[in-house]
Amino acid sequence: MNDIGAFIKQKRSESHITQEEFALKSGLGLRFVRELEQGKKTVRLDKVNQALSMFGFTVGPVPVYAESKQASEDILNKAVQEATQTARS
């Protein structure tokens, strides 16, 4: 969800509205907006769509293709690094 959170934050900033204003206008809670923009890993899809709809977007199926063996290995290595860091915390 990190990409979506960054997208929401960018669009909100471009619209010159605060998180508080965005929460009120979208009907979402301020805590949800903050967590979404901070990249919380688990969020409700209906609420994500509610946030995205403020900018004319929605979540939908997107094909995932590994463009190369290297790209797949990079994704795997990143996941392993994140898991290792989480385990150390």
PDB file of N, CA and C in Angstrom:
ATOM      1  N   MET A   1       0.786  -1.205   0.000  1.00  0.00           N
ATOM      2  CA  MET A   1       0.000   0.000   0.000  1.00  0.00           C
ATOM      3  C   MET A   1       0.831   1.274   0.000  1.00  0.00           C
ATOM      4  N   ASN A   2       2.133   1.078   0.113  1.00  0.00           N
ATOM      5  CA  ASN A   2       2.978   2.258   0.195  1.00  0.00           C
ATOM      6  C   ASN A   2       2.865   3.147  -1.036  1.00  0.00           C
ATOM      7  N   ASP A   3       2.785   2.550  -2.246  1.00  0.00           N
ATOM      8  CA  ASP A   3       2.650   3.355  -3.457  1.00  0.00           C
ATOM      9  C   ASP A   3       1.337   4.126  -3.458  1.00  0.00           C
ATOM     10  N   ILE A   4       0.284   3.480  -3.005  1.00  0.00           N
ATOM     11  CA  ILE A   4      -1.017   4.153  -2.959  1.00  0.00           C
ATOM     12  C   ILE A   4      -0.995   5.275  -1.931  1.00  0.00           C
ATOM     13  N   GLY A   5      -0.391   5.022  -0.785  1.00  0.00           N
ATOM     14  CA  GLY A   5      -0.290   6.067   0.231  1.00  0.00           C
ATOM     15  C   GLY A   5       0.488   7.267  -0.259  1.00  0.00           C
ATOM     16  N   ALA A   6       1.581   7.016  -0.963  1.00  0.00           N
ATOM     17  CA  ALA A   6       2.377   8.110  -1.527  1.00  0.00           C
ATOM     18  C   ALA A   6       1.580   8.870  -2.582  1.00  0.00           C
ATOM     19  N   PHE A   7       0.805   8.137  -3.381  1.00  0.00           N
ATOM     20  CA  PHE A   7      -0.029   8.762  -4.400  1.00  0.00           C
ATOM     21  C   PHE A   7      -1.070   9.675  -3.758  1.00  0.00           C
ATOM     22  N   ILE A   8      -1.746   9.163  -2.729  1.00  0.00           N
ATOM     23  CA  ILE A   8      -2.757   9.958  -2.021  1.00  0.00           C
ATOM     24  C   ILE A   8      -2.117  11.215  -1.435  1.00  0.00           C
ATOM     25  N   LYS A   9      -0.973  11.047  -0.799  1.00  0.00           N
ATOM     26  CA  LYS A   9      -0.289  12.195  -0.179  1.00  0.00           C
ATOM     27  C   LYS A   9       0.087  13.234  -1.234  1.00  0.00           C
ATOM     28  N   GLN A  10       0.610  12.770  -2.367  1.00  0.00           N
ATOM     29  CA  GLN A  10       0.995  13.695  -3.435  1.00  0.00           C
ATOM     30  C   GLN A  10      -0.219  14.457  -3.970  1.00  0.00           C
ATOM     31  N   LYS A  11      -1.292  13.746  -4.262  1.00  0.00           N
ATOM     32  CA  LYS A  11      -2.503  14.393  -4.786  1.00  0.00           C
ATOM     33  C   LYS A  11      -3.101  15.348  -3.759  1.00  0.00           C
ATOM     34  N   ARG A  12      -3.094  14.939  -2.506  1.00  0.00           N
ATOM     35  CA  ARG A  12      -3.625  15.811  -1.456  1.00  0.00           C
ATOM     36  C   ARG A  12      -2.804  17.077  -1.341  1.00  0.00           C
ATOM     37  N   SER A  13      -1.479  16.926  -1.383  1.00  0.00           N
ATOM     38  CA  SER A  13      -0.586  18.089  -1.300  1.00  0.00           C
ATOM     39  C   SER A  13      -0.766  19.009  -2.500  1.00  0.00           C
ATOM     40  N   GLU A  14      -0.899  18.407  -3.683  1.00  0.00           N
ATOM     41  CA  GLU A  14      -1.125  19.209  -4.891  1.00  0.00           C
ATOM     42  C   GLU A  14      -2.439  19.984  -4.804  1.00  0.00           C
ATOM     43  N   SER A  15      -3.402  19.436  -4.065  1.00  0.00           N
ATOM     44  CA  SER A  15      -4.704  20.085  -3.891  1.00  0.00           C
ATOM     45  C   SER A  15      -4.690  21.099  -2.751  1.00  0.00           C
ATOM     46  N   HIS A  16      -3.546  21.215  -2.081  1.00  0.00           N
ATOM     47  CA  HIS A  16      -3.356  22.168  -0.977  1.00  0.00           C
ATOM     48  C   HIS A  16      -4.378  21.969   0.140  1.00  0.00           C
ATOM     49  N   ILE A  17      -4.594  20.692   0.509  1.00  0.00           N
ATOM     50  CA  ILE A  17      -5.467  20.421   1.646  1.00  0.00           C
ATOM     51  C   ILE A  17      -4.703  19.600   2.681  1.00  0.00           C
ATOM     52  N   THR A  18      -5.024  19.843   3.917  1.00  0.00           N
ATOM     53  CA  THR A  18      -4.366  19.130   5.022  1.00  0.00           C
ATOM     54  C   THR A  18      -4.960  17.732   5.146  1.00  0.00           C
ATOM     55  N   GLN A  19      -4.297  16.913   5.937  1.00  0.00           N
ATOM     56  CA  GLN A  19      -4.844  15.587   6.208  1.00  0.00           C
ATOM     57  C   GLN A  19      -6.208  15.696   6.879  1.00  0.00           C
ATOM     58  N   GLU A  20      -6.341  16.659   7.777  1.00  0.00           N
ATOM     59  CA  GLU A  20      -7.601  16.855   8.476  1.00  0.00           C
ATOM     60  C   GLU A  20      -8.713  17.219   7.497  1.00  0.00           C
ATOM     61  N   GLU A  21      -8.431  18.142   6.585  1.00  0.00           N
ATOM     62  CA  GLU A  21      -9.423  18.545   5.583  1.00  0.00           C
ATOM     63  C   GLU A  21      -9.775  17.371   4.666  1.00  0.00           C
ATOM     64  N   PHE A  22      -8.755  16.615   4.274  1.00  0.00           N
ATOM     65  CA  PHE A  22      -8.994  15.463   3.409  1.00  0.00           C
ATOM     66  C   PHE A  22      -9.879  14.441   4.103  1.00  0.00           C
ATOM     67  N   ALA A  23      -9.603  14.189   5.373  1.00  0.00           N
ATOM     68  CA  ALA A  23     -10.407  13.233   6.135  1.00  0.00           C
ATOM     69  C   ALA A  23     -11.870  13.683   6.175  1.00  0.00           C
ATOM     70  N   LEU A  24     -12.096  14.950   6.443  1.00  0.00           N
ATOM     71  CA  LEU A  24     -13.464  15.462   6.503  1.00  0.00           C
ATOM     72  C   LEU A  24     -14.159  15.382   5.149  1.00  0.00           C
ATOM     73  N   LYS A  25     -13.481  15.810   4.102  1.00  0.00           N
ATOM     74  CA  LYS A  25     -14.086  15.828   2.760  1.00  0.00           C
ATOM     75  C   LYS A  25     -14.352  14.431   2.221  1.00  0.00           C
ATOM     76  N   SER A  26     -13.502  13.479   2.580  1.00  0.00           N
ATOM     77  CA  SER A  26     -13.640  12.120   2.056  1.00  0.00           C
ATOM     78  C   SER A  26     -14.537  11.244   2.924  1.00  0.00           C
ATOM     79  N   GLY A  27     -14.801  11.686   4.146  1.00  0.00           N
ATOM     80  CA  GLY A  27     -15.599  10.885   5.062  1.00  0.00           C
ATOM     81  C   GLY A  27     -14.789   9.802   5.763  1.00  0.00           C
ATOM     82  N   LEU A  28     -13.482   9.913   5.690  1.00  0.00           N
ATOM     83  CA  LEU A  28     -12.586   8.954   6.333  1.00  0.00           C
ATOM     84  C   LEU A  28     -12.086   9.510   7.648  1.00  0.00           C
ATOM     85  N   GLY A  29     -11.621   8.641   8.506  1.00  0.00           N
ATOM     86  CA  GLY A  29     -11.044   9.081   9.765  1.00  0.00           C
ATOM     87  C   GLY A  29      -9.634   9.619   9.560  1.00  0.00           C
ATOM     88  N   LEU A  30      -9.263  10.579  10.363  1.00  0.00           N
ATOM     89  CA  LEU A  30      -7.926  11.164  10.283  1.00  0.00           C
ATOM     90  C   LEU A  30      -6.859  10.098  10.520  1.00  0.00           C
ATOM     91  N   ARG A  31      -7.103   9.217  11.463  1.00  0.00           N
ATOM     92  CA  ARG A  31      -6.123   8.156  11.746  1.00  0.00           C
ATOM     93  C   ARG A  31      -5.892   7.290  10.507  1.00  0.00           C
ATOM     94  N   PHE A  32      -6.977   6.938   9.798  1.00  0.00           N
ATOM     95  CA  PHE A  32      -6.838   6.126   8.594  1.00  0.00           C
ATOM     96  C   PHE A  32      -6.011   6.857   7.540  1.00  0.00           C
ATOM     97  N   VAL A  33      -6.298   8.135   7.334  1.00  0.00           N
ATOM     98  CA  VAL A  33      -5.559   8.923   6.331  1.00  0.00           C
ATOM     99  C   VAL A  33      -4.075   8.959   6.687  1.00  0.00           C
ATOM    100  N   ARG A  34      -3.765   9.195   7.932  1.00  0.00           N
ATOM    101  CA  ARG A  34      -2.362   9.229   8.357  1.00  0.00           C
ATOM    102  C   ARG A  34      -1.682   7.885   8.148  1.00  0.00           C
ATOM    103  N   GLU A  35      -2.342   6.820   8.564  1.00  0.00           N
ATOM    104  CA  GLU A  35      -1.749   5.488   8.418  1.00  0.00           C
ATOM    105  C   GLU A  35      -1.577   5.118   6.947  1.00  0.00           C
ATOM    106  N   LEU A  36      -2.543   5.457   6.113  1.00  0.00           N
ATOM    107  CA  LEU A  36      -2.446   5.177   4.680  1.00  0.00           C
ATOM    108  C   LEU A  36      -1.249   5.900   4.076  1.00  0.00           C
ATOM    109  N   GLU A  37      -1.111   7.168   4.373  1.00  0.00           N
ATOM    110  CA  GLU A  37      -0.005   7.959   3.822  1.00  0.00           C
ATOM    111  C   GLU A  37       1.348   7.505   4.369  1.00  0.00           C
ATOM    112  N   GLN A  38       1.357   6.921   5.546  1.00  0.00           N
ATOM    113  CA  GLN A  38       2.608   6.438   6.133  1.00  0.00           C
ATOM    114  C   GLN A  38       2.953   5.030   5.677  1.00  0.00           C
ATOM    115  N   GLY A  39       2.097   4.436   4.837  1.00  0.00           N
ATOM    116  CA  GLY A  39       2.415   3.140   4.256  1.00  0.00           C
ATOM    117  C   GLY A  39       2.017   1.938   5.075  1.00  0.00           C
ATOM    118  N   LYS A  40       0.983   2.075   5.895  1.00  0.00           N
ATOM    119  CA  LYS A  40       0.517   0.928   6.673  1.00  0.00           C
ATOM    120  C   LYS A  40       0.252  -0.241   5.719  1.00  0.00           C
ATOM    121  N   LYS A  41       0.725  -1.417   6.092  1.00  0.00           N
ATOM    122  CA  LYS A  41       0.663  -2.591   5.213  1.00  0.00           C
ATOM    123  C   LYS A  41      -0.742  -3.160   5.074  1.00  0.00           C
ATOM    124  N   THR A  42      -1.556  -3.070   6.113  1.00  0.00           N
ATOM    125  CA  THR A  42      -2.898  -3.637   6.054  1.00  0.00           C
ATOM    126  C   THR A  42      -3.936  -2.537   6.230  1.00  0.00           C
ATOM    127  N   VAL A  43      -4.710  -2.318   5.200  1.00  0.00           N
ATOM    128  CA  VAL A  43      -5.780  -1.319   5.234  1.00  0.00           C
ATOM    129  C   VAL A  43      -7.005  -1.903   4.529  1.00  0.00           C
ATOM    130  N   ARG A  44      -8.159  -1.363   4.821  1.00  0.00           N
ATOM    131  CA  ARG A  44      -9.394  -1.827   4.185  1.00  0.00           C
ATOM    132  C   ARG A  44      -9.482  -1.287   2.763  1.00  0.00           C
ATOM    133  N   LEU A  45      -9.744  -2.179   1.832  1.00  0.00           N
ATOM    134  CA  LEU A  45      -9.805  -1.809   0.425  1.00  0.00           C
ATOM    135  C   LEU A  45     -10.929  -0.820   0.143  1.00  0.00           C
ATOM    136  N   ASP A  46     -12.062  -0.964   0.798  1.00  0.00           N
ATOM    137  CA  ASP A  46     -13.157  -0.032   0.559  1.00  0.00           C
ATOM    138  C   ASP A  46     -12.781   1.392   0.973  1.00  0.00           C
ATOM    139  N   LYS A  47     -12.009   1.503   2.048  1.00  0.00           N
ATOM    140  CA  LYS A  47     -11.572   2.832   2.484  1.00  0.00           C
ATOM    141  C   LYS A  47     -10.496   3.400   1.557  1.00  0.00           C
ATOM    142  N   VAL A  48      -9.636   2.536   1.046  1.00  0.00           N
ATOM    143  CA  VAL A  48      -8.631   2.984   0.075  1.00  0.00           C
ATOM    144  C   VAL A  48      -9.347   3.533  -1.154  1.00  0.00           C
ATOM    145  N   ASN A  49     -10.356   2.819  -1.623  1.00  0.00           N
ATOM    146  CA  ASN A  49     -11.118   3.292  -2.778  1.00  0.00           C
ATOM    147  C   ASN A  49     -11.859   4.585  -2.478  1.00  0.00           C
ATOM    148  N   GLN A  50     -12.321   4.732  -1.265  1.00  0.00           N
ATOM    149  CA  GLN A  50     -12.981   5.976  -0.857  1.00  0.00           C
ATOM    150  C   GLN A  50     -12.000   7.143  -0.945  1.00  0.00           C
ATOM    151  N   ALA A  51     -10.772   6.921  -0.499  1.00  0.00           N
ATOM    152  CA  ALA A  51      -9.744   7.963  -0.579  1.00  0.00           C
ATOM    153  C   ALA A  51      -9.379   8.251  -2.032  1.00  0.00           C
ATOM    154  N   LEU A  52      -9.156   7.200  -2.814  1.00  0.00           N
ATOM    155  CA  LEU A  52      -8.772   7.373  -4.212  1.00  0.00           C
ATOM    156  C   LEU A  52      -9.860   8.060  -5.028  1.00  0.00           C
ATOM    157  N   SER A  53     -11.116   7.795  -4.682  1.00  0.00           N
ATOM    158  CA  SER A  53     -12.212   8.385  -5.445  1.00  0.00           C
ATOM    159  C   SER A  53     -12.228   9.904  -5.358  1.00  0.00           C
ATOM    160  N   MET A  54     -11.612  10.457  -4.339  1.00  0.00           N
ATOM    161  CA  MET A  54     -11.511  11.916  -4.220  1.00  0.00           C
ATOM    162  C   MET A  54     -10.731  12.523  -5.391  1.00  0.00           C
ATOM    163  N   PHE A  55      -9.899  11.706  -6.024  1.00  0.00           N
ATOM    164  CA  PHE A  55      -9.081  12.175  -7.135  1.00  0.00           C
ATOM    165  C   PHE A  55      -9.438  11.473  -8.444  1.00  0.00           C
ATOM    166  N   GLY A  56     -10.583  10.773  -8.451  1.00  0.00           N
ATOM    167  CA  GLY A  56     -11.053  10.124  -9.665  1.00  0.00           C
ATOM    168  C   GLY A  56     -10.386   8.792  -9.975  1.00  0.00           C
ATOM    169  N   PHE A  57      -9.895   8.099  -8.960  1.00  0.00           N
ATOM    170  CA  PHE A  57      -9.221   6.820  -9.153  1.00  0.00           C
ATOM    171  C   PHE A  57      -9.886   5.736  -8.310  1.00  0.00           C
ATOM    172  N   THR A  58      -9.553   4.498  -8.616  1.00  0.00           N
ATOM    173  CA  THR A  58      -9.993   3.350  -7.842  1.00  0.00           C
ATOM    174  C   THR A  58      -8.942   2.258  -7.956  1.00  0.00           C
ATOM    175  N   VAL A  59      -8.933   1.349  -6.995  1.00  0.00           N
ATOM    176  CA  VAL A  59      -8.034   0.206  -7.046  1.00  0.00           C
ATOM    177  C   VAL A  59      -8.649  -0.824  -7.980  1.00  0.00           C
ATOM    178  N   GLY A  60      -7.824  -1.422  -8.792  1.00  0.00           N
ATOM    179  CA  GLY A  60      -8.304  -2.453  -9.691  1.00  0.00           C
ATOM    180  C   GLY A  60      -7.221  -3.464  -9.961  1.00  0.00           C
ATOM    181  N   PRO A  61      -7.569  -4.537 -10.648  1.00  0.00           N
ATOM    182  CA  PRO A  61      -6.567  -5.559 -10.956  1.00  0.00           C
ATOM    183  C   PRO A  61      -5.510  -5.021 -11.918  1.00  0.00           C
ATOM    184  N   VAL A  62      -4.283  -5.239 -11.555  1.00  0.00           N
ATOM    185  CA  VAL A  62      -3.149  -4.801 -12.374  1.00  0.00           C
ATOM    186  C   VAL A  62      -2.247  -6.008 -12.577  1.00  0.00           C
ATOM    187  N   PRO A  63      -1.933  -6.336 -13.821  1.00  0.00           N
ATOM    188  CA  PRO A  63      -1.062  -7.497 -14.038  1.00  0.00           C
ATOM    189  C   PRO A  63       0.340  -7.242 -13.497  1.00  0.00           C
ATOM    190  N   VAL A  64       0.910  -8.281 -12.941  1.00  0.00           N
ATOM    191  CA  VAL A  64       2.266  -8.189 -12.415  1.00  0.00           C
ATOM    192  C   VAL A  64       3.154  -9.086 -13.271  1.00  0.00           C
ATOM    193  N   TYR A  65       4.130  -8.490 -13.898  1.00  0.00           N
ATOM    194  CA  TYR A  65       5.057  -9.233 -14.741  1.00  0.00           C
ATOM    195  C   TYR A  65       6.475  -8.938 -14.298  1.00  0.00           C
ATOM    196  N   ALA A  66       7.233  -9.965 -14.056  1.00  0.00           N
ATOM    197  CA  ALA A  66       8.655  -9.782 -13.769  1.00  0.00           C
ATOM    198  C   ALA A  66       9.332  -9.582 -15.119  1.00  0.00           C
ATOM    199  N   GLU A  67       9.902  -8.414 -15.301  1.00  0.00           N
ATOM    200  CA  GLU A  67      10.480  -8.101 -16.607  1.00  0.00           C
ATOM    201  C   GLU A  67      11.774  -8.859 -16.851  1.00  0.00           C
ATOM    202  N   SER A  68      12.349  -9.340 -15.799  1.00  0.00           N
ATOM    203  CA  SER A  68      13.564 -10.119 -15.969  1.00  0.00           C
ATOM    204  C   SER A  68      13.812 -10.946 -14.718  1.00  0.00           C
ATOM    205  N   LYS A  69      14.697 -11.891 -14.834  1.00  0.00           N
ATOM    206  CA  LYS A  69      15.066 -12.702 -13.672  1.00  0.00           C
ATOM    207  C   LYS A  69      15.653 -11.811 -12.591  1.00  0.00           C
ATOM    208  N   GLN A  70      16.413 -10.808 -12.978  1.00  0.00           N
ATOM    209  CA  GLN A  70      17.036  -9.890 -12.026  1.00  0.00           C
ATOM    210  C   GLN A  70      15.976  -9.126 -11.238  1.00  0.00           C
ATOM    211  N   ALA A  71      14.935  -8.686 -11.916  1.00  0.00           N
ATOM    212  CA  ALA A  71      13.870  -7.951 -11.234  1.00  0.00           C
ATOM    213  C   ALA A  71      13.217  -8.840 -10.176  1.00  0.00           C
ATOM    214  N   SER A  72      12.976 -10.097 -10.514  1.00  0.00           N
ATOM    215  CA  SER A  72      12.383 -11.037  -9.553  1.00  0.00           C
ATOM    216  C   SER A  72      13.309 -11.243  -8.360  1.00  0.00           C
ATOM    217  N   GLU A  73      14.602 -11.385  -8.634  1.00  0.00           N
ATOM    218  CA  GLU A  73      15.563 -11.570  -7.549  1.00  0.00           C
ATOM    219  C   GLU A  73      15.636 -10.335  -6.662  1.00  0.00           C
ATOM    220  N   ASP A  74      15.575  -9.156  -7.259  1.00  0.00           N
ATOM    221  CA  ASP A  74      15.602  -7.914  -6.486  1.00  0.00           C
ATOM    222  C   ASP A  74      14.403  -7.834  -5.544  1.00  0.00           C
ATOM    223  N   ILE A  75      13.222  -8.215  -6.041  1.00  0.00           N
ATOM    224  CA  ILE A  75      12.020  -8.195  -5.217  1.00  0.00           C
ATOM    225  C   ILE A  75      12.160  -9.170  -4.053  1.00  0.00           C
ATOM    226  N   LEU A  76      12.646 -10.361  -4.347  1.00  0.00           N
ATOM    227  CA  LEU A  76      12.835 -11.377  -3.311  1.00  0.00           C
ATOM    228  C   LEU A  76      13.848 -10.911  -2.273  1.00  0.00           C
ATOM    229  N   ASN A  77      14.973 -10.363  -2.719  1.00  0.00           N
ATOM    230  CA  ASN A  77      16.003  -9.880  -1.791  1.00  0.00           C
ATOM    231  C   ASN A  77      15.469  -8.776  -0.895  1.00  0.00           C
ATOM    232  N   LYS A  78      14.682  -7.877  -1.453  1.00  0.00           N
ATOM    233  CA  LYS A  78      14.117  -6.790  -0.662  1.00  0.00           C
ATOM    234  C   LYS A  78      13.177  -7.348   0.408  1.00  0.00           C
ATOM    235  N   ALA A  79      12.352  -8.322   0.035  1.00  0.00           N
ATOM    236  CA  ALA A  79      11.425  -8.929   0.993  1.00  0.00           C
ATOM    237  C   ALA A  79      12.182  -9.616   2.125  1.00  0.00           C
ATOM    238  N   VAL A  80      13.265 -10.302   1.792  1.00  0.00           N
ATOM    239  CA  VAL A  80      14.075 -10.973   2.805  1.00  0.00           C
ATOM    240  C   VAL A  80      14.710  -9.949   3.742  1.00  0.00           C
ATOM    241  N   GLN A  81      15.231  -8.848   3.190  1.00  0.00           N
ATOM    242  CA  GLN A  81      15.839  -7.802   4.011  1.00  0.00           C
ATOM    243  C   GLN A  81      14.813  -7.194   4.962  1.00  0.00           C
ATOM    244  N   GLU A  82      13.606  -6.919   4.456  1.00  0.00           N
ATOM    245  CA  GLU A  82      12.567  -6.334   5.300  1.00  0.00           C
ATOM    246  C   GLU A  82      12.160  -7.297   6.407  1.00  0.00           C
ATOM    247  N   ALA A  83      12.055  -8.569   6.075  1.00  0.00           N
ATOM    248  CA  ALA A  83      11.679  -9.565   7.080  1.00  0.00           C
ATOM    249  C   ALA A  83      12.759  -9.681   8.151  1.00  0.00           C
ATOM    250  N   THR A  84      14.029  -9.633   7.728  1.00  0.00           N
ATOM    251  CA  THR A  84      15.135  -9.715   8.667  1.00  0.00           C
ATOM    252  C   THR A  84      15.149  -8.502   9.597  1.00  0.00           C
ATOM    253  N   GLN A  85      14.908  -7.324   9.041  1.00  0.00           N
ATOM    254  CA  GLN A  85      14.878  -6.104   9.859  1.00  0.00           C
ATOM    255  C   GLN A  85      13.732  -6.142  10.845  1.00  0.00           C
ATOM    256  N   THR A  86      12.576  -6.654  10.415  1.00  0.00           N
ATOM    257  CA  THR A  86      11.414  -6.750  11.291  1.00  0.00           C
ATOM    258  C   THR A  86      11.681  -7.726  12.427  1.00  0.00           C
ATOM    259  N   ALA A  87      12.344  -8.834  12.106  1.00  0.00           N
ATOM    260  CA  ALA A  87      12.647  -9.842  13.126  1.00  0.00           C
ATOM    261  C   ALA A  87      13.622  -9.310  14.166  1.00  0.00           C
ATOM    262  N   ARG A  88      14.509  -8.430  13.760  1.00  0.00           N
ATOM    263  CA  ARG A  88      15.500  -7.846  14.683  1.00  0.00           C
ATOM    264  C   ARG A  88      14.880  -6.801  15.599  1.00  0.00           C
ATOM    265  N   SER A  89      13.757  -6.225  15.182  1.00  0.00           N
ATOM    266  CA  SER A  89      13.132  -5.157  15.967  1.00  0.00           C
ATOM    267  C   SER A  89      12.443  -5.672  17.193  1.00  0.00           C
TER     268      SER A  89
END
